[in-house]
Amino acid sequence: MANSASDARGAEAEARAKLVNDGMVDVMVTIASNFFYTVTLPVTLWFLDRAKTDTAHPRHGQTLFIDARRVYHQVTRKLREFTEAQQQNLTSIVWLYRGETESFQALRQRYLEAMATWRDTEVTDPDFEPARTYRGLAAHRQAYAAALVGLAGVVVDWREGVRLLLSKEAEAALASHPTWAKDLTELAELTADTLATDKAGLVALSQRAEALVNFADKTLRPAKDKTWSGANLRGGLRQVLDDLNSLLFVTERVGYFAAQLAWLDGHFPNGEYRDVEGLCYLASQADIAAQQYSLNPGRYVGVALDDDGRTPEEFREFVETQADELARLHAEADALQSEIVRDVKLLFMDVLREELA
């Protein structure tokens, strides 16, 4: 239903009170906007259970509220959806609330096994033609490091082979280049253990390799060089990029399942239900009555404040820096506006002169 039905007064409030007092309301889940083609507003999913009207029912008088408005996958600018893992994670809250801890542990085990599979074993993806095979995180790190080292070695050999053919301009450019020789040496000494572990660091290495090849091709390469095609530096660079893409994909898969596992363990560290600020709250009939029988999860779960890791002093310095930057931008905007006004006046003066002439 639309979120308004969870808070509306009048007859709707009386109907909600009847459902709550009878014990039928089991779970209420609010989801973000744009989940449906015809409804752009946030909606609330109502889960009713007639069996809970029995006062002997273990969950009689309890209602689980889940605020899932921050849980979604953006498909397009106007459409969102839950990923399979997001659905499972939200469902796991209900499992714990209902005492189905075996289901929670089974989900956690699936994440552990999936993470280990992508990290340590060979996986074939049949969605590509031909099918792609991934060989585990360590193997792909080794392959990427070897590709970078191999390319660096080929660049060194090519440079030595054409050293006597370099023009004076090329020699001067090589001597004045701030990092070319350093980058070449560092790439040649890479190992799987010394590779970066984050995506940005891994991509940066490929960018350094590409810069080396581009400099060799566009600046150093002699006009009559007959060894360029045989050295195949561009082919070596393509191999680096292929190995990078494979490594990034496997890293993403391992990280994805690790993140799901961290989500479960972070919110429910003991494998038991607990209220989580900003996510879920187990309310009694008295709690709901105190809220005028509102069934809006936002009234119960509270708001989770994101911690940016800054100390109070660091936050104060951050705000002061942003204030200075804002003042500078305002000053630039005022200066630009003055220039625009002046130019417009000059333009109209030129037009008037032409008309008078």
Protein backbone atom coordinates (compact mmCIF):
# COMPACT_ATOMS: atom_id res chain seq x y z
CA MET A 1 0.00 0.00 0.00
CA ALA A 2 0.98 3.64 -0.28
CA ASN A 3 2.82 4.93 2.80
CA SER A 4 -0.08 7.24 3.60
CA ALA A 5 -2.25 4.24 4.51
CA SER A 6 0.12 3.51 7.40
CA ASP A 7 -0.46 6.91 8.99
CA ALA A 8 -3.88 8.08 7.80
CA ARG A 9 -6.41 9.17 10.42
CA GLY A 10 -10.14 8.56 10.65
CA ALA A 11 -11.53 5.24 9.50
CA GLU A 12 -8.09 4.02 8.38
CA ALA A 13 -6.70 4.53 11.89
CA GLU A 14 -9.62 2.60 13.37
CA ALA A 15 -9.01 -0.26 10.95
CA ARG A 16 -5.32 -0.34 11.87
CA ALA A 17 -6.15 -0.35 15.57
CA LYS A 18 -8.47 -3.32 15.04
CA LEU A 19 -5.77 -5.25 13.16
CA VAL A 20 -3.12 -4.46 15.78
CA ASN A 21 -5.28 -5.27 18.80
CA ASP A 22 -6.37 -8.53 17.19
CA GLY A 23 -2.69 -9.39 16.71
CA MET A 24 -2.85 -9.86 12.95
CA VAL A 25 -0.09 -7.45 11.89
CA ASP A 26 3.08 -9.50 11.60
CA VAL A 27 5.61 -7.53 9.55
CA MET A 28 5.62 -4.04 8.02
CA VAL A 29 8.27 -3.17 5.43
CA THR A 30 8.76 0.26 3.87
CA ILE A 31 10.65 0.30 0.57
CA ALA A 32 12.08 3.16 -1.47
CA SER A 33 10.41 5.03 -4.30
CA ASN A 34 10.49 3.94 -7.95
CA PHE A 35 10.11 0.22 -7.34
CA PHE A 36 7.04 0.02 -9.57
CA TYR A 37 6.44 1.36 -13.07
CA THR A 38 3.13 2.96 -12.10
CA VAL A 39 3.95 4.09 -8.55
CA THR A 40 6.91 6.40 -7.93
CA LEU A 41 6.29 7.08 -4.22
CA PRO A 42 7.63 4.89 -1.39
CA VAL A 43 5.24 2.11 -0.45
CA THR A 44 4.76 -0.13 2.57
CA LEU A 45 4.34 -3.88 2.37
CA TRP A 46 1.87 -5.29 4.89
CA PHE A 47 2.26 -8.89 6.06
CA LEU A 48 -0.72 -10.14 8.08
CA ASP A 49 -0.95 -13.47 9.91
CA ARG A 50 -4.34 -14.68 11.09
CA ALA A 51 -2.67 -17.37 13.24
CA LYS A 52 -1.25 -14.62 15.48
CA THR A 53 -4.72 -13.70 16.73
CA ASP A 54 -4.41 -16.69 19.05
CA THR A 55 -3.12 -15.33 22.37
CA ALA A 56 -1.07 -18.51 22.78
CA HIS A 57 0.88 -17.72 19.61
CA PRO A 58 4.56 -17.03 20.47
CA ARG A 59 4.52 -13.74 18.52
CA HIS A 60 1.06 -12.56 19.55
CA GLY A 61 1.13 -8.84 20.29
CA GLN A 62 4.41 -8.29 18.40
CA THR A 63 4.99 -6.56 15.07
CA LEU A 64 8.29 -6.34 13.22
CA PHE A 65 8.97 -3.02 11.48
CA ILE A 66 11.64 -2.87 8.73
CA ASP A 67 12.69 0.35 7.02
CA ALA A 68 14.26 -0.77 3.72
CA ARG A 69 14.19 2.61 1.98
CA ARG A 70 17.99 2.68 1.82
CA VAL A 71 18.24 -0.85 0.45
CA TYR A 72 17.91 -1.03 -3.34
CA HIS A 73 19.72 -1.47 -6.64
CA GLN A 74 19.39 1.40 -9.14
CA VAL A 75 18.43 -0.19 -12.48
CA THR A 76 17.73 3.04 -14.36
CA ARG A 77 17.22 6.64 -13.33
CA LYS A 78 13.52 5.91 -12.80
CA LEU A 79 13.54 2.29 -11.66
CA ARG A 80 14.93 0.46 -8.64
CA GLU A 81 14.84 -3.15 -7.54
CA PHE A 82 16.18 -5.50 -4.90
CA THR A 83 19.10 -7.72 -5.81
CA GLU A 84 18.76 -11.35 -4.81
CA ALA A 85 21.18 -10.80 -1.92
CA GLN A 86 19.26 -7.75 -0.72
CA GLN A 87 16.02 -9.75 -0.71
CA GLN A 88 17.72 -12.55 1.20
CA ASN A 89 19.26 -10.16 3.72
CA LEU A 90 15.94 -8.47 4.44
CA THR A 91 14.24 -11.85 4.67
CA SER A 92 16.87 -12.97 7.17
CA ILE A 93 15.61 -10.30 9.59
CA VAL A 94 12.18 -11.93 9.47
CA TRP A 95 13.73 -15.37 9.93
CA LEU A 96 15.44 -14.26 13.14
CA TYR A 97 12.28 -12.53 14.37
CA ARG A 98 10.37 -15.78 13.83
CA GLY A 99 13.08 -17.87 15.45
CA GLU A 100 14.14 -19.53 12.17
CA THR A 101 17.84 -19.30 12.98
CA GLU A 102 18.66 -22.32 10.79
CA SER A 103 17.65 -20.35 7.70
CA PHE A 104 19.82 -17.43 8.79
CA GLN A 105 22.84 -19.66 9.34
CA ALA A 106 22.24 -21.41 6.02
CA LEU A 107 22.28 -18.06 4.21
CA ARG A 108 25.44 -17.07 6.01
CA GLN A 109 27.03 -20.38 4.98
CA ARG A 110 26.06 -19.82 1.33
CA TYR A 111 27.81 -16.46 1.38
CA LEU A 112 30.91 -18.03 2.94
CA GLU A 113 31.00 -20.78 0.31
CA ALA A 114 30.40 -18.38 -2.59
CA MET A 115 33.19 -16.09 -1.36
CA ALA A 116 35.58 -19.02 -1.01
CA THR A 117 34.62 -20.40 -4.43
CA TRP A 118 35.44 -17.16 -6.25
CA ARG A 119 38.56 -16.60 -4.15
CA ASP A 120 40.12 -20.06 -4.25
CA THR A 121 38.72 -22.20 -7.08
CA GLU A 122 38.01 -22.21 -10.81
CA VAL A 123 34.66 -20.81 -11.93
CA THR A 124 33.28 -20.97 -15.47
CA ASP A 125 30.81 -18.31 -16.60
CA PRO A 126 28.63 -19.78 -19.39
CA ASP A 127 26.91 -16.46 -20.16
CA PHE A 128 29.74 -15.54 -22.55
CA GLU A 129 30.56 -17.08 -25.92
CA PRO A 130 33.01 -18.69 -25.60
CA ALA A 131 32.55 -19.34 -21.88
CA ARG A 132 34.93 -17.50 -19.58
CA THR A 133 36.88 -19.30 -16.87
CA TYR A 134 38.12 -17.57 -13.75
CA ARG A 135 40.87 -19.20 -11.71
CA GLY A 136 40.69 -17.65 -8.27
CA LEU A 137 41.95 -14.40 -6.80
CA ALA A 138 45.58 -15.43 -6.26
CA ALA A 139 45.94 -16.79 -9.81
CA HIS A 140 44.53 -13.61 -11.37
CA ARG A 141 46.74 -11.39 -9.23
CA GLN A 142 49.71 -13.44 -10.40
CA ALA A 143 48.63 -13.15 -14.04
CA TYR A 144 48.14 -9.38 -13.82
CA ALA A 145 51.52 -8.87 -12.15
CA ALA A 146 53.19 -11.08 -14.78
CA ALA A 147 51.55 -9.13 -17.61
CA LEU A 148 52.80 -5.82 -16.19
CA VAL A 149 56.30 -7.18 -15.60
CA GLY A 150 56.36 -8.73 -19.08
CA LEU A 151 55.27 -5.48 -20.73
CA ALA A 152 57.89 -3.51 -18.78
CA GLY A 153 60.58 -5.96 -19.93
CA VAL A 154 59.53 -5.64 -23.57
CA VAL A 155 59.60 -1.83 -23.31
CA VAL A 156 63.13 -1.97 -21.85
CA ASP A 157 64.34 -4.31 -24.63
CA TRP A 158 62.74 -2.15 -27.33
CA ARG A 159 64.24 1.03 -25.90
CA GLU A 160 67.71 -0.51 -25.82
CA GLY A 161 67.30 -1.71 -29.39
CA VAL A 162 66.45 1.74 -30.75
CA ARG A 163 68.67 3.81 -28.44
CA LEU A 164 71.11 4.71 -31.24
CA LEU A 165 68.21 5.67 -33.53
CA LEU A 166 66.56 8.15 -31.13
CA SER A 167 66.31 11.70 -32.38
CA LYS A 168 67.67 14.57 -30.31
CA GLU A 169 64.13 15.61 -29.52
CA ALA A 170 63.29 12.10 -28.29
CA GLU A 171 66.45 11.96 -26.16
CA ALA A 172 65.61 15.33 -24.63
CA ALA A 173 62.02 14.24 -23.95
CA LEU A 174 63.25 11.04 -22.31
CA ALA A 175 65.76 12.91 -20.16
CA SER A 176 63.19 15.45 -19.03
CA HIS A 177 60.32 13.02 -18.41
CA PRO A 178 59.69 13.11 -14.64
CA THR A 179 58.55 9.51 -14.06
CA TRP A 180 59.01 7.37 -17.19
CA ALA A 181 62.16 5.55 -16.05
CA LYS A 182 60.86 5.27 -12.47
CA ASP A 183 57.51 3.83 -13.61
CA LEU A 184 59.29 1.36 -15.87
CA THR A 185 61.49 0.13 -13.02
CA GLU A 186 58.61 -0.17 -10.55
CA LEU A 187 56.42 -2.10 -13.00
CA ALA A 188 59.30 -4.45 -13.76
CA GLU A 189 59.69 -5.26 -10.06
CA LEU A 190 56.02 -5.95 -9.31
CA THR A 191 54.86 -9.24 -7.80
CA ALA A 192 51.44 -10.59 -6.92
CA ASP A 193 52.15 -9.76 -3.27
CA THR A 194 53.08 -6.13 -3.96
CA LEU A 195 50.07 -5.40 -6.18
CA ALA A 196 47.49 -3.00 -4.83
CA THR A 197 44.43 -4.62 -3.29
CA ASP A 198 41.85 -1.95 -4.16
CA LYS A 199 40.31 -1.25 -7.56
CA ALA A 200 41.73 2.26 -7.85
CA GLY A 201 45.26 1.03 -7.17
CA LEU A 202 44.99 -1.82 -9.67
CA VAL A 203 43.61 0.45 -12.38
CA ALA A 204 46.34 3.02 -11.69
CA LEU A 205 48.99 0.40 -12.53
CA SER A 206 47.41 -0.25 -15.94
CA GLN A 207 47.25 3.50 -16.56
CA ARG A 208 50.95 3.80 -15.82
CA ALA A 209 51.63 0.95 -18.24
CA GLU A 210 49.52 2.62 -20.92
CA ALA A 211 51.36 5.91 -20.40
CA LEU A 212 54.68 4.11 -20.88
CA VAL A 213 53.56 2.60 -24.17
CA ASN A 214 52.03 5.85 -25.43
CA PHE A 215 55.21 7.78 -24.63
CA ALA A 216 57.32 5.16 -26.39
CA ASP A 217 55.03 5.21 -29.44
CA LYS A 218 54.36 8.91 -29.83
CA THR A 219 57.55 10.47 -28.50
CA LEU A 220 60.47 8.03 -28.57
CA ARG A 221 59.72 5.83 -31.57
CA PRO A 222 62.18 6.61 -34.41
CA ALA A 223 60.76 7.32 -37.84
CA LYS A 224 62.52 4.32 -39.42
CA ASP A 225 62.05 1.89 -36.55
CA LYS A 226 61.53 -1.62 -37.94
CA THR A 227 61.35 -3.30 -34.53
CA TRP A 228 58.11 -1.72 -33.27
CA SER A 229 55.71 -4.23 -34.77
CA GLY A 230 57.84 -7.15 -33.64
CA ALA A 231 58.03 -5.81 -30.08
CA ASN A 232 54.22 -5.70 -30.04
CA LEU A 233 53.97 -3.27 -27.15
CA ARG A 234 50.31 -2.62 -27.94
CA GLY A 235 49.63 -6.33 -27.77
CA GLY A 236 51.33 -6.51 -24.40
CA LEU A 237 49.21 -3.61 -23.21
CA ARG A 238 46.03 -5.38 -24.36
CA GLN A 239 47.09 -8.42 -22.34
CA VAL A 240 47.57 -6.20 -19.29
CA LEU A 241 44.06 -4.79 -19.70
CA ASP A 242 42.55 -8.25 -20.22
CA ASP A 243 44.21 -9.55 -17.07
CA LEU A 244 43.16 -6.43 -15.19
CA ASN A 245 39.50 -6.91 -16.17
CA SER A 246 39.57 -10.55 -15.06
CA LEU A 247 41.19 -9.62 -11.76
CA LEU A 248 38.71 -6.82 -11.12
CA PHE A 249 35.77 -9.12 -11.83
CA VAL A 250 36.99 -11.82 -9.44
CA THR A 251 37.87 -9.18 -6.83
CA GLU A 252 34.38 -7.72 -7.16
CA ARG A 253 32.77 -11.15 -6.75
CA VAL A 254 34.82 -11.93 -3.65
CA GLY A 255 34.13 -8.48 -2.23
CA TYR A 256 30.42 -8.75 -3.00
CA PHE A 257 29.90 -11.91 -0.97
CA ALA A 258 32.21 -10.64 1.76
CA ALA A 259 30.03 -7.51 1.97
CA GLN A 260 26.85 -9.59 2.31
CA LEU A 261 28.46 -11.63 5.06
CA ALA A 262 29.59 -8.44 6.79
CA TRP A 263 26.03 -7.08 6.53
CA LEU A 264 24.61 -10.10 8.33
CA ASP A 265 27.33 -10.26 10.97
CA GLY A 266 27.39 -6.50 11.50
CA HIS A 267 23.66 -6.23 12.10
CA PHE A 268 23.12 -9.54 13.90
CA PRO A 269 26.53 -10.57 15.27
CA ASN A 270 25.23 -13.41 17.43
CA GLY A 271 22.85 -14.82 14.84
CA GLU A 272 19.93 -13.62 16.93
CA TYR A 273 17.35 -10.92 16.34
CA ARG A 274 18.03 -7.48 17.78
CA ASP A 275 16.66 -4.00 17.05
CA VAL A 276 18.95 -2.12 14.64
CA GLU A 277 18.76 1.67 14.55
CA GLY A 278 17.51 2.81 11.17
CA LEU A 279 16.68 -0.72 9.98
CA CYS A 280 14.34 -2.75 12.19
CA TYR A 281 12.36 -2.63 15.44
CA LEU A 282 10.23 -5.19 17.23
CA ALA A 283 7.21 -3.35 18.61
CA SER A 284 4.59 -4.39 21.13
CA GLN A 285 0.92 -3.48 20.93
CA ALA A 286 1.58 -0.83 23.57
CA ASP A 287 4.35 0.70 21.44
CA ILE A 288 2.00 0.94 18.47
CA ALA A 289 -0.85 2.35 20.54
CA ALA A 290 1.50 5.07 21.82
CA GLN A 291 2.05 6.07 18.17
CA GLN A 292 -1.71 6.38 17.54
CA TYR A 293 -1.61 3.02 15.76
CA SER A 294 0.70 4.26 13.05
CA LEU A 295 2.19 1.38 11.08
CA ASN A 296 4.88 3.46 9.43
CA PRO A 297 8.26 1.75 10.13
CA GLY A 298 10.02 5.10 10.15
CA ARG A 299 8.25 5.96 13.41
CA TYR A 300 9.82 3.00 15.17
CA VAL A 301 13.21 2.16 13.72
CA GLY A 302 14.74 5.62 14.14
CA VAL A 303 17.47 7.08 11.97
CA ALA A 304 20.92 5.58 11.58
CA LEU A 305 23.58 8.28 11.55
CA ASP A 306 26.45 7.48 9.21
CA ASP A 307 29.84 7.83 10.90
CA ASP A 308 32.40 9.44 8.60
CA GLY A 309 35.23 8.55 10.96
CA ARG A 310 36.19 12.18 11.68
CA THR A 311 37.05 13.45 15.14
CA PRO A 312 35.28 16.65 16.30
CA GLU A 313 38.44 18.64 15.51
CA GLU A 314 38.70 17.11 12.04
CA PHE A 315 35.03 17.80 11.37
CA ARG A 316 35.43 21.43 12.47
CA GLU A 317 38.43 21.81 10.16
CA PHE A 318 36.45 20.19 7.33
CA VAL A 319 33.55 22.64 7.80
CA GLU A 320 35.93 25.62 7.91
CA THR A 321 37.64 24.44 4.72
CA GLN A 322 34.32 24.02 2.96
CA ALA A 323 33.20 27.46 4.13
CA ASP A 324 36.39 29.00 2.71
CA GLU A 325 35.85 27.16 -0.56
CA LEU A 326 32.25 28.34 -0.72
CA ALA A 327 33.36 31.94 -0.13
CA ARG A 328 35.93 31.63 -2.91
CA LEU A 329 33.34 30.27 -5.32
CA HIS A 330 30.95 33.08 -4.45
CA ALA A 331 33.71 35.61 -5.15
CA GLU A 332 34.43 33.99 -8.51
CA ALA A 333 30.72 33.99 -9.35
CA ASP A 334 30.47 37.71 -8.52
CA ALA A 335 33.49 38.46 -10.69
CA LEU A 336 32.07 36.46 -13.59
CA GLN A 337 28.72 38.19 -13.24
CA SER A 338 30.43 41.59 -13.40
CA GLU A 339 32.29 40.54 -16.54
CA ILE A 340 29.08 39.32 -18.15
CA VAL A 341 27.30 42.61 -17.38
CA ARG A 342 30.21 44.58 -18.79
CA ASP A 343 30.36 42.48 -21.97
CA VAL A 344 26.61 42.76 -22.50
CA LYS A 345 26.83 46.56 -22.17
CA LEU A 346 29.67 46.68 -24.69
CA LEU A 347 27.68 44.48 -27.06
CA PHE A 348 24.65 46.76 -26.95
CA MET A 349 26.87 49.82 -27.42
CA ASP A 350 28.33 48.25 -30.58
CA VAL A 351 24.85 47.48 -31.86
CA LEU A 352 23.72 51.10 -31.24
CA ARG A 353 26.77 52.47 -33.07
CA GLU A 354 26.01 50.30 -36.09
CA GLU A 355 22.38 51.43 -36.11
CA LEU A 356 23.36 55.12 -35.83
CA ALA A 357 25.96 54.70 -38.55
